[in-house]
């Protein structure tokens, strides 16, 4: 018996995977187009929507931040007496402003 005739019991032969072979022609990739090419990368649909949002909202859109509630000075003079403090909670109690989502909004007196 010679060394090259010995066979080990523990070593199994690995199968080669995906190198052409039985598939042929398009190799299971269909025909033509980006999906049939090597190294194909298709960007997610979500990214298209995210990139479109600024244009849907308008150029230099300020955002959906907090907007202040405006109260004219004439209404403040009508509902409050002299020396009384004017706060958002006091305006809410008198019915001059409304809560948004259970929170008092910032107030601007004009």
N, C-alpha and C. Protein backbone atom coordinates (compact mmCIF):
# COMPACT_ATOMS: atom_id res chain seq x y z
N UNK A 1 0.85 -1.18 0.00
CA UNK A 1 0.00 0.00 0.00
C UNK A 1 0.89 1.23 0.00
N UNK A 2 0.53 2.18 -0.83
CA UNK A 2 1.31 3.41 -0.92
C UNK A 2 0.51 4.59 -0.36
N UNK A 3 1.21 5.66 -0.08
CA UNK A 3 0.61 6.81 0.57
C UNK A 3 -0.54 7.43 -0.26
N UNK A 4 -0.40 7.47 -1.58
CA UNK A 4 -1.44 8.07 -2.41
C UNK A 4 -2.68 7.19 -2.57
N UNK A 5 -2.62 5.97 -2.10
CA UNK A 5 -3.79 5.09 -2.15
C UNK A 5 -4.65 5.16 -0.88
N UNK A 6 -4.14 5.83 0.17
CA UNK A 6 -4.87 5.93 1.42
C UNK A 6 -6.05 6.87 1.29
N UNK A 7 -7.15 6.53 1.95
CA UNK A 7 -8.32 7.40 1.99
C UNK A 7 -8.68 7.66 3.44
N UNK A 8 -8.92 8.93 3.78
CA UNK A 8 -9.30 9.25 5.15
C UNK A 8 -10.79 9.04 5.33
N UNK A 9 -11.18 8.67 6.55
CA UNK A 9 -12.59 8.40 6.83
C UNK A 9 -13.36 9.68 7.16
N UNK A 10 -12.71 10.68 7.79
CA UNK A 10 -13.42 11.85 8.28
C UNK A 10 -13.64 12.92 7.22
N UNK A 11 -12.86 12.96 6.19
CA UNK A 11 -12.94 14.04 5.21
C UNK A 11 -13.94 13.71 4.11
N UNK A 12 -14.97 14.59 3.95
CA UNK A 12 -15.95 14.41 2.89
C UNK A 12 -15.66 15.40 1.78
N UNK A 13 -15.99 15.03 0.60
CA UNK A 13 -15.76 15.90 -0.55
C UNK A 13 -16.86 16.98 -0.60
N UNK A 14 -16.46 18.25 -0.75
CA UNK A 14 -17.42 19.35 -0.82
C UNK A 14 -17.98 19.47 -2.22
N UNK A 15 -19.27 19.83 -2.29
CA UNK A 15 -19.89 20.04 -3.59
C UNK A 15 -19.60 21.45 -4.05
N UNK A 16 -19.35 21.61 -5.34
CA UNK A 16 -19.17 22.95 -5.90
C UNK A 16 -20.56 23.48 -6.25
N UNK A 17 -20.81 24.74 -5.90
CA UNK A 17 -22.14 25.31 -6.07
C UNK A 17 -22.08 26.51 -7.00
N UNK A 18 -23.02 26.59 -7.93
CA UNK A 18 -23.26 27.78 -8.73
C UNK A 18 -22.15 28.23 -9.63
N UNK A 19 -21.68 27.43 -10.51
CA UNK A 19 -20.69 27.86 -11.50
C UNK A 19 -21.17 27.46 -12.90
N UNK A 20 -22.29 27.99 -13.29
CA UNK A 20 -22.82 27.63 -14.61
C UNK A 20 -23.41 26.25 -14.57
N UNK A 21 -22.88 25.35 -15.37
CA UNK A 21 -23.30 23.95 -15.32
C UNK A 21 -24.62 23.71 -16.01
N UNK A 22 -25.55 23.12 -15.31
CA UNK A 22 -26.80 22.68 -15.90
C UNK A 22 -27.75 23.81 -16.28
N UNK A 23 -27.55 24.98 -15.74
CA UNK A 23 -28.48 26.07 -16.04
C UNK A 23 -28.30 26.58 -17.47
N UNK A 24 -27.12 26.99 -17.84
CA UNK A 24 -26.87 27.44 -19.21
C UNK A 24 -27.51 28.78 -19.54
N UNK A 25 -27.26 29.29 -20.70
CA UNK A 25 -27.73 30.56 -21.24
C UNK A 25 -27.90 31.65 -20.18
N UNK A 26 -29.09 31.85 -19.64
CA UNK A 26 -29.29 32.95 -18.70
C UNK A 26 -29.02 32.53 -17.25
N UNK A 27 -28.71 31.29 -17.02
CA UNK A 27 -28.37 30.76 -15.70
C UNK A 27 -29.42 31.08 -14.64
N UNK A 28 -30.67 31.00 -15.00
CA UNK A 28 -31.75 31.18 -14.04
C UNK A 28 -32.01 32.62 -13.66
N UNK A 29 -31.49 33.58 -14.41
CA UNK A 29 -31.69 34.99 -14.08
C UNK A 29 -32.75 35.63 -14.98
N UNK A 30 -33.47 34.88 -15.75
CA UNK A 30 -34.42 35.47 -16.69
C UNK A 30 -33.65 36.05 -17.87
N UNK A 31 -34.20 37.07 -18.51
CA UNK A 31 -33.48 37.65 -19.62
C UNK A 31 -33.44 39.16 -19.51
N UNK A 32 -32.33 39.73 -19.83
CA UNK A 32 -32.10 41.18 -19.95
C UNK A 32 -32.41 41.98 -18.68
N UNK A 33 -31.99 43.17 -18.69
CA UNK A 33 -32.33 44.11 -17.63
C UNK A 33 -31.41 44.07 -16.43
N UNK A 34 -31.69 44.99 -15.50
CA UNK A 34 -30.85 45.19 -14.33
C UNK A 34 -30.77 43.94 -13.45
N UNK A 35 -31.85 43.22 -13.32
CA UNK A 35 -31.86 42.05 -12.45
C UNK A 35 -31.04 40.89 -13.01
N UNK A 36 -30.77 40.90 -14.31
CA UNK A 36 -30.00 39.83 -14.92
C UNK A 36 -28.51 40.09 -14.84
N UNK A 37 -28.10 41.31 -14.50
CA UNK A 37 -26.68 41.67 -14.49
C UNK A 37 -25.98 41.23 -13.21
N UNK A 38 -24.67 41.09 -13.32
CA UNK A 38 -23.87 40.76 -12.14
C UNK A 38 -23.75 41.99 -11.26
N UNK A 39 -23.71 41.79 -9.96
CA UNK A 39 -23.57 42.90 -9.03
C UNK A 39 -24.77 43.81 -9.00
N UNK A 40 -25.95 43.26 -9.29
CA UNK A 40 -27.16 44.09 -9.39
C UNK A 40 -27.50 44.69 -8.04
N UNK A 41 -27.87 45.95 -8.06
CA UNK A 41 -28.32 46.62 -6.85
C UNK A 41 -29.55 47.43 -7.21
N UNK A 42 -30.64 47.17 -6.54
CA UNK A 42 -31.87 47.90 -6.79
C UNK A 42 -32.20 48.65 -5.52
N UNK A 43 -32.37 49.96 -5.64
CA UNK A 43 -32.62 50.74 -4.43
C UNK A 43 -34.04 50.49 -3.93
N UNK A 44 -34.23 50.54 -2.62
CA UNK A 44 -35.55 50.26 -2.05
C UNK A 44 -36.59 51.31 -2.46
N UNK A 45 -37.84 50.89 -2.53
CA UNK A 45 -38.93 51.81 -2.91
C UNK A 45 -39.11 52.91 -1.89
N UNK A 46 -38.79 52.63 -0.63
CA UNK A 46 -38.97 53.62 0.43
C UNK A 46 -38.09 54.83 0.16
N UNK A 47 -36.88 54.60 -0.37
CA UNK A 47 -35.97 55.71 -0.64
C UNK A 47 -36.55 56.67 -1.67
N UNK A 48 -37.25 56.13 -2.67
CA UNK A 48 -37.88 57.00 -3.66
C UNK A 48 -38.90 57.91 -3.01
N UNK A 49 -39.68 57.36 -2.08
CA UNK A 49 -40.70 58.16 -1.41
C UNK A 49 -40.05 59.22 -0.53
N UNK A 50 -38.99 58.85 0.19
CA UNK A 50 -38.31 59.79 1.08
C UNK A 50 -37.71 60.94 0.28
N UNK A 51 -37.16 60.65 -0.88
CA UNK A 51 -36.55 61.70 -1.70
C UNK A 51 -37.62 62.61 -2.30
N UNK A 52 -38.85 62.11 -2.47
CA UNK A 52 -39.91 62.89 -3.08
C UNK A 52 -40.63 63.81 -2.09
N UNK A 53 -40.52 63.51 -0.80
CA UNK A 53 -41.26 64.25 0.22
C UNK A 53 -40.97 65.75 0.20
N UNK A 54 -39.70 66.20 0.13
CA UNK A 54 -39.48 67.65 0.12
C UNK A 54 -40.18 68.36 -1.03
N UNK A 55 -40.26 67.73 -2.19
CA UNK A 55 -40.93 68.35 -3.33
C UNK A 55 -42.44 68.37 -3.14
N UNK A 56 -42.99 67.36 -2.47
CA UNK A 56 -44.43 67.34 -2.23
C UNK A 56 -44.82 68.45 -1.25
N UNK A 57 -43.94 68.74 -0.30
CA UNK A 57 -44.23 69.75 0.70
C UNK A 57 -43.90 71.16 0.22
N UNK A 58 -43.12 71.30 -0.82
CA UNK A 58 -42.75 72.62 -1.31
C UNK A 58 -41.30 72.95 -1.01
N UNK A 59 -40.73 73.83 -1.78
CA UNK A 59 -39.33 74.21 -1.62
C UNK A 59 -39.14 74.98 -0.32
N UNK A 60 -38.16 74.59 0.46
CA UNK A 60 -37.83 75.19 1.76
C UNK A 60 -39.02 75.17 2.72
N UNK A 61 -39.64 74.01 2.84
CA UNK A 61 -40.75 73.81 3.77
C UNK A 61 -40.24 73.93 5.19
N UNK A 62 -40.91 74.72 6.01
CA UNK A 62 -40.44 75.01 7.37
C UNK A 62 -40.59 73.83 8.33
N UNK A 63 -41.49 72.93 8.04
CA UNK A 63 -41.65 71.78 8.92
C UNK A 63 -43.01 71.80 9.61
N UNK A 64 -43.26 70.73 10.32
CA UNK A 64 -44.54 70.60 11.01
C UNK A 64 -44.39 70.95 12.48
N UNK A 65 -43.63 72.00 12.77
CA UNK A 65 -43.36 72.41 14.14
C UNK A 65 -44.56 73.03 14.80
N UNK A 66 -44.35 73.52 16.02
CA UNK A 66 -45.43 74.14 16.78
C UNK A 66 -45.75 75.51 16.20
N UNK A 67 -47.03 75.75 16.00
CA UNK A 67 -47.48 77.06 15.54
C UNK A 67 -48.18 77.74 16.70
N UNK A 68 -47.90 79.00 16.87
CA UNK A 68 -48.47 79.70 18.02
C UNK A 68 -49.92 80.10 17.74
N UNK A 69 -50.68 80.16 18.80
CA UNK A 69 -52.09 80.59 18.74
C UNK A 69 -52.10 82.10 18.87
N UNK A 70 -52.76 82.79 17.95
CA UNK A 70 -52.79 84.26 18.00
C UNK A 70 -54.05 84.74 18.70
N UNK A 71 -53.87 85.75 19.57
CA UNK A 71 -54.99 86.35 20.29
C UNK A 71 -54.88 87.87 20.11
N UNK A 72 -55.93 88.51 19.58
CA UNK A 72 -55.87 89.97 19.44
C UNK A 72 -55.92 90.68 20.78
N UNK A 73 -55.26 91.82 20.85
CA UNK A 73 -55.18 92.60 22.09
C UNK A 73 -56.55 93.09 22.54
N UNK A 74 -57.44 93.32 21.58
CA UNK A 74 -58.80 93.79 21.94
C UNK A 74 -59.54 92.75 22.77
N UNK A 75 -59.37 91.46 22.45
CA UNK A 75 -60.02 90.39 23.22
C UNK A 75 -59.41 90.27 24.61
N UNK A 76 -58.08 90.47 24.68
CA UNK A 76 -57.41 90.41 25.99
C UNK A 76 -57.93 91.53 26.88
N UNK A 77 -58.07 92.74 26.33
CA UNK A 77 -58.59 93.88 27.11
C UNK A 77 -60.05 93.65 27.53
N UNK A 78 -60.80 92.95 26.68
CA UNK A 78 -62.21 92.70 26.96
C UNK A 78 -62.40 91.70 28.10
N UNK A 79 -61.58 90.63 28.10
CA UNK A 79 -61.78 89.54 29.05
C UNK A 79 -60.96 89.69 30.34
N UNK A 80 -59.90 90.50 30.32
CA UNK A 80 -59.05 90.65 31.50
C UNK A 80 -59.16 92.06 32.06
N UNK A 81 -59.18 92.16 33.38
CA UNK A 81 -59.22 93.48 34.02
C UNK A 81 -57.79 93.99 34.23
N UNK A 82 -57.64 95.24 34.60
CA UNK A 82 -56.32 95.85 34.78
C UNK A 82 -55.59 95.18 35.95
N UNK A 83 -54.31 94.89 35.76
CA UNK A 83 -53.49 94.26 36.80
C UNK A 83 -53.56 92.74 36.82
N UNK A 84 -54.43 92.15 36.05
CA UNK A 84 -54.56 90.69 36.00
C UNK A 84 -53.48 90.12 35.07
N UNK A 85 -52.86 89.00 35.46
CA UNK A 85 -51.81 88.40 34.63
C UNK A 85 -52.42 87.58 33.49
N UNK A 86 -51.79 87.73 32.32
CA UNK A 86 -52.26 87.01 31.13
C UNK A 86 -51.30 85.86 30.86
N UNK A 87 -51.75 84.64 31.06
CA UNK A 87 -50.95 83.44 30.80
C UNK A 87 -51.73 82.53 29.85
N UNK A 88 -51.05 81.58 29.22
CA UNK A 88 -51.79 80.64 28.36
C UNK A 88 -52.90 79.89 29.09
N UNK A 89 -52.64 79.51 30.34
CA UNK A 89 -53.69 78.79 31.09
C UNK A 89 -54.87 79.70 31.39
N UNK A 90 -54.60 80.99 31.67
CA UNK A 90 -55.69 81.93 31.93
C UNK A 90 -56.50 82.18 30.65
N UNK A 91 -55.81 82.26 29.52
CA UNK A 91 -56.50 82.43 28.24
C UNK A 91 -57.37 81.22 27.93
N UNK A 92 -56.89 80.04 28.28
CA UNK A 92 -57.64 78.81 28.04
C UNK A 92 -58.90 78.77 28.92
N UNK A 93 -58.76 79.19 30.18
CA UNK A 93 -59.90 79.19 31.10
C UNK A 93 -60.99 80.15 30.64
N UNK A 94 -60.59 81.26 30.03
CA UNK A 94 -61.57 82.24 29.54
C UNK A 94 -62.15 81.85 28.18
N UNK A 95 -61.56 80.81 27.55
CA UNK A 95 -62.07 80.32 26.26
C UNK A 95 -61.52 81.04 25.05
N UNK A 96 -60.38 81.72 25.21
CA UNK A 96 -59.79 82.44 24.08
C UNK A 96 -58.92 81.55 23.20
N UNK A 97 -58.35 80.49 23.79
CA UNK A 97 -57.55 79.54 23.02
C UNK A 97 -58.00 78.12 23.33
N UNK A 98 -57.63 77.18 22.47
CA UNK A 98 -57.98 75.77 22.66
C UNK A 98 -56.70 74.96 22.84
N UNK A 99 -56.83 73.86 23.57
CA UNK A 99 -55.70 72.95 23.73
C UNK A 99 -55.53 72.12 22.46
N UNK A 100 -54.28 71.79 22.14
CA UNK A 100 -53.98 70.93 20.98
C UNK A 100 -53.36 69.64 21.51
N UNK A 101 -54.08 68.58 21.37
CA UNK A 101 -53.58 67.29 21.84
C UNK A 101 -53.41 67.26 23.35
N UNK A 102 -54.26 67.98 24.07
CA UNK A 102 -54.20 68.01 25.51
C UNK A 102 -53.13 68.93 26.07
N UNK A 103 -52.45 69.72 25.20
CA UNK A 103 -51.37 70.61 25.63
C UNK A 103 -51.70 72.02 25.17
N UNK A 104 -51.36 72.98 26.02
CA UNK A 104 -51.57 74.38 25.64
C UNK A 104 -50.52 74.81 24.63
N UNK A 105 -50.93 75.42 23.52
CA UNK A 105 -49.97 75.85 22.51
C UNK A 105 -49.27 77.15 22.92
N UNK A 106 -48.16 77.53 22.28
CA UNK A 106 -47.57 78.83 22.53
C UNK A 106 -48.52 79.93 22.05
N UNK A 107 -48.52 81.07 22.74
CA UNK A 107 -49.49 82.13 22.46
C UNK A 107 -48.77 83.38 21.98
N UNK A 108 -49.33 84.01 20.95
CA UNK A 108 -48.83 85.29 20.46
C UNK A 108 -49.98 86.30 20.57
N UNK A 109 -49.74 87.38 21.29
CA UNK A 109 -50.77 88.42 21.45
C UNK A 109 -50.48 89.52 20.45
N UNK A 110 -51.44 89.79 19.58
CA UNK A 110 -51.26 90.81 18.53
C UNK A 110 -52.01 92.07 18.86
